[in-house]
Amino acid sequence: MTMQYPEFIWHNGGIKPWRDATAHVMSHAIHYGSSVFEGVRSYDTHQGPAIFRLQDHLKRMYGSARIYELPMPYDIAQLTAACHQVLNANHYGEAYLRPFAFRGLGGFGLNADCPTETSVAAWKMGQYLGHDVVATGIDAMVSSWNRVAPNTIPAGAKAGGNYLSGQLIAREARRLGFGEGIALASTGLLSEGAGENIFLVFNGKLHTTPVSAALLNGITRDTLITLARDHGIEVVERDMPREYLYLCDELFMCGTAAEITPIKSVDGKAVGSGQPGPLTGRIQELFFGLFKGTTPDRYHWLEPLRDV
C-alpha cells in the first residue's frame, strides 16, 4: 500500500513542502542513531482541536537532548509554535505529531561536532497496533530480546538509537503472528512493550513496572496513573516477574501511539477471561473522556490549536 504523505512539514525553522525536508546520507544520526524525538497526539475534542500534553512531551525531549549532549537550536516556545504551525498548514485537527532533532552532516566520528537539525511532522495515524484493537485487544508474546541493562543506554531518554531494541521486539512478535512483544529487563523481571508501557490488574488494582525496570516513563503512563488515583483506583508501581502476565486478571499496554490497547493473551495463555476487562474499560473511559468532555481536564493537558 502506498503511503499518503502530508503536504507540509516544519523543518529547520519554517514550513516547507514535505518532499523538500531532506538530510544528507552522511548525517551523523543516520549512522549512529544520534537523535531525540517525541510522539504527540492532537485530538478533535468537544471544544475543538487540541494537542495533548504538548509541553510535557517537549520538556522530556529537551531532557533527552541534555542526556546526549545534543544542542537544541530552538527553544520550547519555538517548537511549540512549530507544532501548531504544521497542524494548521496541513489542515489537521486530529493527528500524530513527531518533533525530532538530530545530529546532521558535520563529521564522521562518534564524537564529531555536527549541527543539530530539527523538524516537526504531522500525519494521520489511527490505531497504531491495528484496526479496532483498542476495543477488541491483541495477543502478545514475551520477546526473546531483553530491554537494555542499567548504565548502558539510558532507557529514560527518548532517543532514536534506543528504538533498535524496540524494533527487535516488535518485529519478532509480528513475524511469529502476535500483535506486540513484551520485554523483560536484564534482571529477568518485567519491563515494557516494544514501544509501550504495561499495566496489570490484580483484584481491582493497577500494577505497573517502575522506571528502574529499563523503561521510558511514558506521558500516557503518567496520565493513567494520575487519572486512576484521582478516581479512587489504587495504582502500585513495583517489580514483577514474567509469570504475573499469566496470573493477572487484566492486562493492557499504553502509549501515545497505542493509546490504551487491551491484551487478550500472552504466549498463547488467556489473560483473565480472554477479553478486555472492566477496569481496562474504565481506564479507557477516563482517558478518552478527556477529549469527549466527560473527564474534566483539571491539569490543563489539552492545549487548544491556535494560529501562530
C-alpha atoms as a PDB file:
ATOM      1  CA  MET A   1       0.000   0.000   0.000  1.00  0.00           C
ATOM      2  CA  THR A   2       1.360   3.423  -0.966  1.00  0.00           C
ATOM      3  CA  MET A   3       1.896   5.764   1.951  1.00  0.00           C
ATOM      4  CA  GLN A   4      -0.008   9.043   1.654  1.00  0.00           C
ATOM      5  CA  TYR A   5       2.320  11.705   2.996  1.00  0.00           C
ATOM      6  CA  PRO A   6       1.190  15.099   4.306  1.00  0.00           C
ATOM      7  CA  GLU A   7       1.681  18.165   2.151  1.00  0.00           C
ATOM      8  CA  PHE A   8       3.779  20.197   4.581  1.00  0.00           C
ATOM      9  CA  ILE A   9       6.368  19.742   7.343  1.00  0.00           C
ATOM     10  CA  TRP A  10       8.198  22.142   9.652  1.00  0.00           C
ATOM     11  CA  HIS A  11      11.971  21.841   9.114  1.00  0.00           C
ATOM     12  CA  ASN A  12      14.854  23.936  10.469  1.00  0.00           C
ATOM     13  CA  GLY A  13      12.778  26.988  11.258  1.00  0.00           C
ATOM     14  CA  GLY A  14       9.832  27.043   8.906  1.00  0.00           C
ATOM     15  CA  ILE A  15       7.095  25.264   6.970  1.00  0.00           C
ATOM     16  CA  LYS A  16       8.123  23.685   3.670  1.00  0.00           C
ATOM     17  CA  PRO A  17       6.793  21.036   1.283  1.00  0.00           C
ATOM     18  CA  TRP A  18       7.199  17.513   2.682  1.00  0.00           C
ATOM     19  CA  ARG A  19       9.397  16.426  -0.244  1.00  0.00           C
ATOM     20  CA  ASP A  20      11.898  19.230   0.434  1.00  0.00           C
ATOM     21  CA  ALA A  21      12.710  18.207   4.031  1.00  0.00           C
ATOM     22  CA  THR A  22      15.871  16.217   3.330  1.00  0.00           C
ATOM     23  CA  ALA A  23      19.111  15.285   5.102  1.00  0.00           C
ATOM     24  CA  HIS A  24      22.470  14.097   3.778  1.00  0.00           C
ATOM     25  CA  VAL A  25      23.125  10.340   3.786  1.00  0.00           C
ATOM     26  CA  MET A  26      26.285  11.004   5.818  1.00  0.00           C
ATOM     27  CA  SER A  27      24.378  12.736   8.601  1.00  0.00           C
ATOM     28  CA  HIS A  28      25.636  11.604  11.996  1.00  0.00           C
ATOM     29  CA  ALA A  29      22.202  10.387  13.129  1.00  0.00           C
ATOM     30  CA  ILE A  30      21.794   8.032  10.178  1.00  0.00           C
ATOM     31  CA  HIS A  31      24.990   6.211  11.123  1.00  0.00           C
ATOM     32  CA  TYR A  32      24.922   6.416  14.915  1.00  0.00           C
ATOM     33  CA  GLY A  33      21.299   6.922  15.966  1.00  0.00           C
ATOM     34  CA  SER A  34      22.080  10.333  17.476  1.00  0.00           C
ATOM     35  CA  SER A  35      18.575  11.768  17.560  1.00  0.00           C
ATOM     36  CA  VAL A  36      15.843  12.559  20.065  1.00  0.00           C
ATOM     37  CA  PHE A  37      12.149  12.795  19.374  1.00  0.00           C
ATOM     38  CA  GLU A  38       8.637  12.776  20.773  1.00  0.00           C
ATOM     39  CA  GLY A  39       5.340  11.264  19.725  1.00  0.00           C
ATOM     40  CA  VAL A  40       2.396  13.539  20.459  1.00  0.00           C
ATOM     41  CA  ARG A  41      -1.282  13.329  19.523  1.00  0.00           C
ATOM     42  CA  SER A  42      -3.751  16.062  18.763  1.00  0.00           C
ATOM     43  CA  TYR A  43      -7.446  15.272  19.110  1.00  0.00           C
ATOM     44  CA  ASP A  44     -10.702  16.685  17.815  1.00  0.00           C
ATOM     45  CA  THR A  45     -12.115  17.417  21.257  1.00  0.00           C
ATOM     46  CA  HIS A  46     -15.523  18.637  22.415  1.00  0.00           C
ATOM     47  CA  GLN A  47     -14.021  22.141  22.455  1.00  0.00           C
ATOM     48  CA  GLY A  48     -12.175  21.928  19.141  1.00  0.00           C
ATOM     49  CA  PRO A  49      -8.760  20.603  18.083  1.00  0.00           C
ATOM     50  CA  ALA A  50      -6.208  20.363  20.909  1.00  0.00           C
ATOM     51  CA  ILE A  51      -2.725  18.928  21.385  1.00  0.00           C
ATOM     52  CA  PHE A  52      -2.432  16.539  24.323  1.00  0.00           C
ATOM     53  CA  ARG A  53       0.253  17.315  26.914  1.00  0.00           C
ATOM     54  CA  LEU A  54       2.494  19.050  24.382  1.00  0.00           C
ATOM     55  CA  GLN A  55       4.549  20.912  26.992  1.00  0.00           C
ATOM     56  CA  ASP A  56       5.256  17.718  28.932  1.00  0.00           C
ATOM     57  CA  HIS A  57       6.378  15.986  25.748  1.00  0.00           C
ATOM     58  CA  LEU A  58       8.683  18.832  24.734  1.00  0.00           C
ATOM     59  CA  LYS A  59      10.146  19.080  28.230  1.00  0.00           C
ATOM     60  CA  ARG A  60      11.022  15.382  28.038  1.00  0.00           C
ATOM     61  CA  MET A  61      12.524  15.868  24.569  1.00  0.00           C
ATOM     62  CA  TYR A  62      14.840  18.587  25.838  1.00  0.00           C
ATOM     63  CA  GLY A  63      15.776  16.337  28.745  1.00  0.00           C
ATOM     64  CA  SER A  64      16.682  13.574  26.285  1.00  0.00           C
ATOM     65  CA  ALA A  65      18.819  16.062  24.339  1.00  0.00           C
ATOM     66  CA  ARG A  66      20.585  17.054  27.562  1.00  0.00           C
ATOM     67  CA  ILE A  67      21.474  13.441  28.326  1.00  0.00           C
ATOM     68  CA  TYR A  68      23.011  13.003  24.875  1.00  0.00           C
ATOM     69  CA  GLU A  69      24.656  16.455  24.832  1.00  0.00           C
ATOM     70  CA  LEU A  70      22.676  17.393  21.735  1.00  0.00           C
ATOM     71  CA  PRO A  71      22.500  21.200  21.367  1.00  0.00           C
ATOM     72  CA  MET A  72      18.951  22.371  20.631  1.00  0.00           C
ATOM     73  CA  PRO A  73      18.865  25.338  18.218  1.00  0.00           C
ATOM     74  CA  TYR A  74      15.252  26.206  19.072  1.00  0.00           C
ATOM     75  CA  ASP A  75      13.673  26.659  22.481  1.00  0.00           C
ATOM     76  CA  ILE A  76      10.481  25.000  23.713  1.00  0.00           C
ATOM     77  CA  ALA A  77       8.346  28.021  22.812  1.00  0.00           C
ATOM     78  CA  GLN A  78       9.598  27.872  19.207  1.00  0.00           C
ATOM     79  CA  LEU A  79       8.948  24.126  18.910  1.00  0.00           C
ATOM     80  CA  THR A  80       5.527  24.643  20.464  1.00  0.00           C
ATOM     81  CA  ALA A  81       4.753  27.146  17.717  1.00  0.00           C
ATOM     82  CA  ALA A  82       6.127  24.721  15.115  1.00  0.00           C
ATOM     83  CA  CYS A  83       3.693  22.018  16.271  1.00  0.00           C
ATOM     84  CA  HIS A  84       0.746  24.364  15.877  1.00  0.00           C
ATOM     85  CA  GLN A  85       2.052  25.609  12.518  1.00  0.00           C
ATOM     86  CA  VAL A  86       2.397  22.148  10.965  1.00  0.00           C
ATOM     87  CA  LEU A  87      -1.109  21.132  12.047  1.00  0.00           C
ATOM     88  CA  ASN A  88      -2.560  24.305  10.587  1.00  0.00           C
ATOM     89  CA  ALA A  89      -0.550  24.042   7.378  1.00  0.00           C
ATOM     90  CA  ASN A  90      -1.938  20.553   6.747  1.00  0.00           C
ATOM     91  CA  HIS A  91      -5.458  21.441   7.974  1.00  0.00           C
ATOM     92  CA  TYR A  92      -5.292  18.735  10.642  1.00  0.00           C
ATOM     93  CA  GLY A  93      -7.301  18.658  13.827  1.00  0.00           C
ATOM     94  CA  GLU A  94      -6.639  15.074  14.914  1.00  0.00           C
ATOM     95  CA  ALA A  95      -3.160  13.825  14.056  1.00  0.00           C
ATOM     96  CA  TYR A  96       0.102  12.340  15.303  1.00  0.00           C
ATOM     97  CA  LEU A  97       2.979  14.802  15.768  1.00  0.00           C
ATOM     98  CA  ARG A  98       6.680  13.969  15.629  1.00  0.00           C
ATOM     99  CA  PRO A  99       9.047  16.668  16.959  1.00  0.00           C
ATOM    100  CA  PHE A 100      12.540  15.487  16.036  1.00  0.00           C
ATOM    101  CA  ALA A 101      16.120  16.694  16.475  1.00  0.00           C
ATOM    102  CA  PHE A 102      19.265  15.004  15.196  1.00  0.00           C
ATOM    103  CA  ARG A 103      22.947  15.462  14.542  1.00  0.00           C
ATOM    104  CA  GLY A 104      23.312  16.294  10.863  1.00  0.00           C
ATOM    105  CA  LEU A 105      26.275  16.435   8.480  1.00  0.00           C
ATOM    106  CA  GLY A 106      29.493  17.729  10.022  1.00  0.00           C
ATOM    107  CA  GLY A 107      31.929  14.964  10.886  1.00  0.00           C
ATOM    108  CA  PHE A 108      32.431  11.214  10.762  1.00  0.00           C
ATOM    109  CA  GLY A 109      33.477  10.165  14.253  1.00  0.00           C
ATOM    110  CA  LEU A 110      31.335   9.212  17.216  1.00  0.00           C
ATOM    111  CA  ASN A 111      32.140  12.479  18.996  1.00  0.00           C
ATOM    112  CA  ALA A 112      32.085  14.679  15.882  1.00  0.00           C
ATOM    113  CA  ASP A 113      30.708  18.184  16.259  1.00  0.00           C
ATOM    114  CA  CYS A 114      27.709  18.251  13.956  1.00  0.00           C
ATOM    115  CA  PRO A 115      24.946  20.822  13.584  1.00  0.00           C
ATOM    116  CA  THR A 116      21.581  19.899  15.034  1.00  0.00           C
ATOM    117  CA  GLU A 117      18.734  19.712  12.544  1.00  0.00           C
ATOM    118  CA  THR A 118      15.159  19.961  13.779  1.00  0.00           C
ATOM    119  CA  SER A 119      11.783  19.083  12.329  1.00  0.00           C
ATOM    120  CA  VAL A 120       8.149  18.605  13.279  1.00  0.00           C
ATOM    121  CA  ALA A 121       5.990  16.300  11.167  1.00  0.00           C
ATOM    122  CA  ALA A 122       2.276  15.541  11.488  1.00  0.00           C
ATOM    123  CA  TRP A 123       0.263  12.772   9.894  1.00  0.00           C
ATOM    124  CA  LYS A 124      -2.934  10.778  10.241  1.00  0.00           C
ATOM    125  CA  MET A 125      -2.229   7.625  12.246  1.00  0.00           C
ATOM    126  CA  GLY A 126      -5.365   5.950  13.594  1.00  0.00           C
ATOM    127  CA  GLN A 127      -4.863   2.942  15.866  1.00  0.00           C
ATOM    128  CA  TYR A 128      -1.176   2.017  15.969  1.00  0.00           C
ATOM    129  CA  LEU A 129      -1.416  -1.725  16.668  1.00  0.00           C
ATOM    130  CA  GLY A 130      -4.265  -2.432  14.270  1.00  0.00           C
ATOM    131  CA  HIS A 131      -7.845  -1.594  13.411  1.00  0.00           C
ATOM    132  CA  ASP A 132     -10.261  -1.804  16.369  1.00  0.00           C
ATOM    133  CA  VAL A 133      -7.643  -3.256  18.757  1.00  0.00           C
ATOM    134  CA  VAL A 134      -8.381  -0.535  21.338  1.00  0.00           C
ATOM    135  CA  ALA A 135     -11.802  -2.158  21.662  1.00  0.00           C
ATOM    136  CA  THR A 136     -11.008  -5.826  20.970  1.00  0.00           C
ATOM    137  CA  GLY A 137      -7.439  -6.251  22.262  1.00  0.00           C
ATOM    138  CA  ILE A 138      -4.373  -8.054  20.920  1.00  0.00           C
ATOM    139  CA  ASP A 139      -2.448 -11.270  21.507  1.00  0.00           C
ATOM    140  CA  ALA A 140       1.054 -10.598  22.826  1.00  0.00           C
ATOM    141  CA  MET A 141       4.209 -12.599  23.489  1.00  0.00           C
ATOM    142  CA  VAL A 142       7.217 -12.315  25.746  1.00  0.00           C
ATOM    143  CA  SER A 143      10.128 -11.451  23.498  1.00  0.00           C
ATOM    144  CA  SER A 144      13.396 -13.347  23.414  1.00  0.00           C
ATOM    145  CA  TRP A 145      15.080  -9.912  23.473  1.00  0.00           C
ATOM    146  CA  ASN A 146      15.651  -8.111  26.775  1.00  0.00           C
ATOM    147  CA  ARG A 147      15.499  -4.362  27.292  1.00  0.00           C
ATOM    148  CA  VAL A 148      18.777  -2.551  27.895  1.00  0.00           C
ATOM    149  CA  ALA A 149      20.710  -3.070  31.118  1.00  0.00           C
ATOM    150  CA  PRO A 150      21.233  -0.192  33.581  1.00  0.00           C
ATOM    151  CA  ASN A 151      24.103   2.174  32.792  1.00  0.00           C
ATOM    152  CA  THR A 152      24.391   1.023  29.181  1.00  0.00           C
ATOM    153  CA  ILE A 153      21.899   3.038  27.149  1.00  0.00           C
ATOM    154  CA  PRO A 154      19.705   5.435  29.171  1.00  0.00           C
ATOM    155  CA  ALA A 155      16.223   3.950  28.857  1.00  0.00           C
ATOM    156  CA  GLY A 156      14.734   7.155  30.251  1.00  0.00           C
ATOM    157  CA  ALA A 157      15.752   9.123  27.151  1.00  0.00           C
ATOM    158  CA  LYS A 158      13.555   9.009  24.062  1.00  0.00           C
ATOM    159  CA  ALA A 159      16.419   8.707  21.605  1.00  0.00           C
ATOM    160  CA  GLY A 160      16.483   7.199  18.133  1.00  0.00           C
ATOM    161  CA  GLY A 161      19.162   4.624  18.901  1.00  0.00           C
ATOM    162  CA  ASN A 162      17.155   3.285  21.848  1.00  0.00           C
ATOM    163  CA  TYR A 163      14.482   2.066  19.473  1.00  0.00           C
ATOM    164  CA  LEU A 164      16.720  -0.550  17.888  1.00  0.00           C
ATOM    165  CA  SER A 165      15.752  -2.598  20.942  1.00  0.00           C
ATOM    166  CA  GLY A 166      12.081  -1.960  20.294  1.00  0.00           C
ATOM    167  CA  GLN A 167      12.435  -2.916  16.631  1.00  0.00           C
ATOM    168  CA  LEU A 168      13.816  -6.326  17.552  1.00  0.00           C
ATOM    169  CA  ILE A 169      10.957  -6.909  19.988  1.00  0.00           C
ATOM    170  CA  ALA A 170       8.220  -5.704  17.634  1.00  0.00           C
ATOM    171  CA  ARG A 171       9.486  -7.452  14.505  1.00  0.00           C
ATOM    172  CA  GLU A 172       9.906 -10.763  16.326  1.00  0.00           C
ATOM    173  CA  ALA A 173       6.319 -10.536  17.563  1.00  0.00           C
ATOM    174  CA  ARG A 174       4.917  -9.750  14.101  1.00  0.00           C
ATOM    175  CA  ARG A 175       6.984 -12.498  12.495  1.00  0.00           C
ATOM    176  CA  LEU A 176       5.518 -15.037  14.928  1.00  0.00           C
ATOM    177  CA  GLY A 177       1.955 -13.832  14.447  1.00  0.00           C
ATOM    178  CA  PHE A 178       1.472 -11.729  17.592  1.00  0.00           C
ATOM    179  CA  GLY A 179       0.173  -8.193  17.878  1.00  0.00           C
ATOM    180  CA  GLU A 180       3.075  -6.971  20.010  1.00  0.00           C
ATOM    181  CA  GLY A 181       6.011  -8.119  22.121  1.00  0.00           C
ATOM    182  CA  ILE A 182       6.659  -7.651  25.825  1.00  0.00           C
ATOM    183  CA  ALA A 183      10.254  -7.433  27.009  1.00  0.00           C
ATOM    184  CA  LEU A 184      11.967  -8.402  30.223  1.00  0.00           C
ATOM    185  CA  ALA A 185      14.641  -6.264  31.830  1.00  0.00           C
ATOM    186  CA  SER A 186      18.191  -7.572  32.217  1.00  0.00           C
ATOM    187  CA  THR A 187      17.110  -8.726  35.696  1.00  0.00           C
ATOM    188  CA  GLY A 188      14.614 -11.152  34.171  1.00  0.00           C
ATOM    189  CA  LEU A 189      11.720  -9.116  35.577  1.00  0.00           C
ATOM    190  CA  LEU A 190       9.051  -7.387  33.509  1.00  0.00           C
ATOM    191  CA  SER A 191       9.973  -4.188  31.684  1.00  0.00           C
ATOM    192  CA  GLU A 192       7.682  -2.871  28.929  1.00  0.00           C
ATOM    193  CA  GLY A 193       6.477  -3.475  25.386  1.00  0.00           C
ATOM    194  CA  ALA A 194       8.349  -2.670  22.195  1.00  0.00           C
ATOM    195  CA  GLY A 195       7.187   0.919  22.446  1.00  0.00           C
ATOM    196  CA  GLU A 196       4.550   0.859  25.173  1.00  0.00           C
ATOM    197  CA  ASN A 197       4.289   0.711  28.950  1.00  0.00           C
ATOM    198  CA  ILE A 198       2.269  -2.079  30.543  1.00  0.00           C
ATOM    199  CA  PHE A 199      -0.325  -2.290  33.291  1.00  0.00           C
ATOM    200  CA  LEU A 200      -1.539  -5.450  35.029  1.00  0.00           C
ATOM    201  CA  VAL A 201      -4.764  -5.697  37.051  1.00  0.00           C
ATOM    202  CA  PHE A 202      -4.988  -7.727  40.260  1.00  0.00           C
ATOM    203  CA  ASN A 203      -8.108  -7.572  42.434  1.00  0.00           C
ATOM    204  CA  GLY A 204      -9.230  -4.201  41.118  1.00  0.00           C
ATOM    205  CA  LYS A 205      -5.823  -2.544  41.463  1.00  0.00           C
ATOM    206  CA  LEU A 206      -3.499  -1.355  38.714  1.00  0.00           C
ATOM    207  CA  HIS A 207       0.076  -2.623  38.863  1.00  0.00           C
ATOM    208  CA  THR A 208       2.797  -1.230  36.618  1.00  0.00           C
ATOM    209  CA  THR A 209       6.538  -1.671  36.342  1.00  0.00           C
ATOM    210  CA  PRO A 210       8.780   1.083  37.803  1.00  0.00           C
ATOM    211  CA  VAL A 211      11.024   3.396  35.807  1.00  0.00           C
ATOM    212  CA  SER A 212      14.018   1.439  37.142  1.00  0.00           C
ATOM    213  CA  ALA A 213      12.889  -1.524  35.006  1.00  0.00           C
ATOM    214  CA  ALA A 214      14.632  -0.197  31.861  1.00  0.00           C
ATOM    215  CA  LEU A 215      11.578   1.606  30.527  1.00  0.00           C
ATOM    216  CA  LEU A 216      10.635   5.013  29.228  1.00  0.00           C
ATOM    217  CA  ASN A 217       8.481   6.921  31.710  1.00  0.00           C
ATOM    218  CA  GLY A 218       5.636   7.440  29.286  1.00  0.00           C
ATOM    219  CA  ILE A 219       3.425  10.519  29.246  1.00  0.00           C
ATOM    220  CA  THR A 220       0.398   8.270  28.732  1.00  0.00           C
ATOM    221  CA  ARG A 221       1.593   6.087  31.630  1.00  0.00           C
ATOM    222  CA  ASP A 222       1.741   9.145  33.870  1.00  0.00           C
ATOM    223  CA  THR A 223      -1.682  10.262  32.630  1.00  0.00           C
ATOM    224  CA  LEU A 224      -3.297   6.936  33.501  1.00  0.00           C
ATOM    225  CA  ILE A 225      -1.678   6.770  36.936  1.00  0.00           C
ATOM    226  CA  THR A 226      -2.931  10.285  37.677  1.00  0.00           C
ATOM    227  CA  LEU A 227      -6.471   9.672  36.380  1.00  0.00           C
ATOM    228  CA  ALA A 228      -6.756   6.359  38.199  1.00  0.00           C
ATOM    229  CA  ARG A 229      -5.695   7.782  41.559  1.00  0.00           C
ATOM    230  CA  ASP A 230      -7.951  10.807  41.097  1.00  0.00           C
ATOM    231  CA  HIS A 231     -10.891   8.418  40.681  1.00  0.00           C
ATOM    232  CA  GLY A 232     -10.148   6.131  43.619  1.00  0.00           C
ATOM    233  CA  ILE A 233      -8.337   3.374  41.742  1.00  0.00           C
ATOM    234  CA  GLU A 234      -5.227   2.177  43.548  1.00  0.00           C
ATOM    235  CA  VAL A 235      -2.012   2.116  41.497  1.00  0.00           C
ATOM    236  CA  VAL A 236       1.037   0.103  42.565  1.00  0.00           C
ATOM    237  CA  GLU A 237       4.432   0.629  40.913  1.00  0.00           C
ATOM    238  CA  ARG A 238       6.621  -2.419  41.552  1.00  0.00           C
ATOM    239  CA  ASP A 239       8.883  -5.049  40.071  1.00  0.00           C
ATOM    240  CA  MET A 240       7.032  -8.094  38.770  1.00  0.00           C
ATOM    241  CA  PRO A 241       8.128 -11.482  37.423  1.00  0.00           C
ATOM    242  CA  ARG A 242       7.186 -12.767  33.987  1.00  0.00           C
ATOM    243  CA  GLU A 243       4.613 -15.238  35.304  1.00  0.00           C
ATOM    244  CA  TYR A 244       2.426 -12.393  36.562  1.00  0.00           C
ATOM    245  CA  LEU A 245       1.480 -11.854  32.922  1.00  0.00           C
ATOM    246  CA  TYR A 246      -0.246 -15.258  33.081  1.00  0.00           C
ATOM    247  CA  LEU A 247      -1.823 -14.709  36.512  1.00  0.00           C
ATOM    248  CA  CYS A 248      -3.265 -11.202  36.269  1.00  0.00           C
ATOM    249  CA  ASP A 249      -6.976 -10.502  35.860  1.00  0.00           C
ATOM    250  CA  GLU A 250      -6.452  -7.931  33.075  1.00  0.00           C
ATOM    251  CA  LEU A 251      -3.543  -6.559  31.086  1.00  0.00           C
ATOM    252  CA  PHE A 252      -3.099  -3.598  28.765  1.00  0.00           C
ATOM    253  CA  MET A 253      -0.445  -1.542  27.008  1.00  0.00           C
ATOM    254  CA  CYS A 254      -0.386   2.215  26.757  1.00  0.00           C
ATOM    255  CA  GLY A 255       1.471   4.893  24.843  1.00  0.00           C
ATOM    256  CA  THR A 256       0.857   7.909  22.641  1.00  0.00           C
ATOM    257  CA  ALA A 257       0.618   5.738  19.530  1.00  0.00           C
ATOM    258  CA  ALA A 258      -1.017   2.672  21.141  1.00  0.00           C
ATOM    259  CA  GLU A 259      -3.254   4.802  23.409  1.00  0.00           C
ATOM    260  CA  ILE A 260      -4.812   2.086  25.644  1.00  0.00           C
ATOM    261  CA  THR A 261      -4.688  -1.338  23.993  1.00  0.00           C
ATOM    262  CA  PRO A 262      -6.015  -4.371  25.923  1.00  0.00           C
ATOM    263  CA  ILE A 263      -4.044  -7.639  25.794  1.00  0.00           C
ATOM    264  CA  LYS A 264      -6.193 -10.777  25.465  1.00  0.00           C
ATOM    265  CA  SER A 265      -3.437 -13.364  25.768  1.00  0.00           C
ATOM    266  CA  VAL A 266       0.295 -13.713  26.378  1.00  0.00           C
ATOM    267  CA  ASP A 267       2.276 -16.590  24.873  1.00  0.00           C
ATOM    268  CA  GLY A 268      -0.995 -18.300  23.950  1.00  0.00           C
ATOM    269  CA  LYS A 269      -2.314 -18.131  27.526  1.00  0.00           C
ATOM    270  CA  ALA A 270      -5.575 -16.208  28.001  1.00  0.00           C
ATOM    271  CA  VAL A 271      -5.444 -13.156  30.250  1.00  0.00           C
ATOM    272  CA  GLY A 272      -8.399 -13.427  32.622  1.00  0.00           C
ATOM    273  CA  SER A 273     -11.495 -14.188  30.559  1.00  0.00           C
ATOM    274  CA  GLY A 274      -9.577 -13.677  27.319  1.00  0.00           C
ATOM    275  CA  GLN A 275     -11.466 -10.438  26.668  1.00  0.00           C
ATOM    276  CA  PRO A 276     -10.791  -6.802  27.636  1.00  0.00           C
ATOM    277  CA  GLY A 277     -11.733  -6.438  31.304  1.00  0.00           C
ATOM    278  CA  PRO A 278     -13.886  -3.936  33.209  1.00  0.00           C
ATOM    279  CA  LEU A 279     -11.060  -1.946  34.805  1.00  0.00           C
ATOM    280  CA  THR A 280      -9.328  -1.624  31.432  1.00  0.00           C
ATOM    281  CA  GLY A 281     -12.619  -0.302  30.077  1.00  0.00           C
ATOM    282  CA  ARG A 282     -12.903   2.169  32.944  1.00  0.00           C
ATOM    283  CA  ILE A 283      -9.395   3.483  32.332  1.00  0.00           C
ATOM    284  CA  GLN A 284     -10.228   3.884  28.633  1.00  0.00           C
ATOM    285  CA  GLU A 285     -13.371   5.830  29.578  1.00  0.00           C
ATOM    286  CA  LEU A 286     -11.381   8.183  31.790  1.00  0.00           C
ATOM    287  CA  PHE A 287      -8.648   8.705  29.185  1.00  0.00           C
ATOM    288  CA  PHE A 288     -10.800   9.205  26.100  1.00  0.00           C
ATOM    289  CA  GLY A 289     -13.222  11.192  28.258  1.00  0.00           C
ATOM    290  CA  LEU A 290     -10.633  13.966  28.327  1.00  0.00           C
ATOM    291  CA  PHE A 291     -11.348  14.558  24.643  1.00  0.00           C
ATOM    292  CA  LYS A 292     -15.099  13.927  24.795  1.00  0.00           C
ATOM    293  CA  GLY A 293     -15.599  16.210  27.800  1.00  0.00           C
ATOM    294  CA  THR A 294     -16.746  13.502  30.226  1.00  0.00           C
ATOM    295  CA  THR A 295     -13.448  13.600  32.186  1.00  0.00           C
ATOM    296  CA  PRO A 296     -12.555  17.080  33.476  1.00  0.00           C
ATOM    297  CA  ASP A 297      -9.234  18.417  32.187  1.00  0.00           C
ATOM    298  CA  ARG A 298      -8.225  19.605  35.641  1.00  0.00           C
ATOM    299  CA  TYR A 299      -4.500  19.570  34.831  1.00  0.00           C
ATOM    300  CA  HIS A 300      -4.848  21.629  31.637  1.00  0.00           C
ATOM    301  CA  TRP A 301      -3.394  18.867  29.494  1.00  0.00           C
ATOM    302  CA  LEU A 302      -5.312  19.962  26.398  1.00  0.00           C
ATOM    303  CA  GLU A 303      -3.580  22.768  24.504  1.00  0.00           C
ATOM    304  CA  PRO A 304      -6.067  24.276  22.022  1.00  0.00           C
ATOM    305  CA  LEU A 305      -4.823  24.514  18.456  1.00  0.00           C
ATOM    306  CA  ARG A 306      -4.115  28.132  17.543  1.00  0.00           C
ATOM    307  CA  ASP A 307      -2.744  30.228  14.723  1.00  0.00           C
ATOM    308  CA  VAL A 308       0.866  31.203  15.428  1.00  0.00           C
END
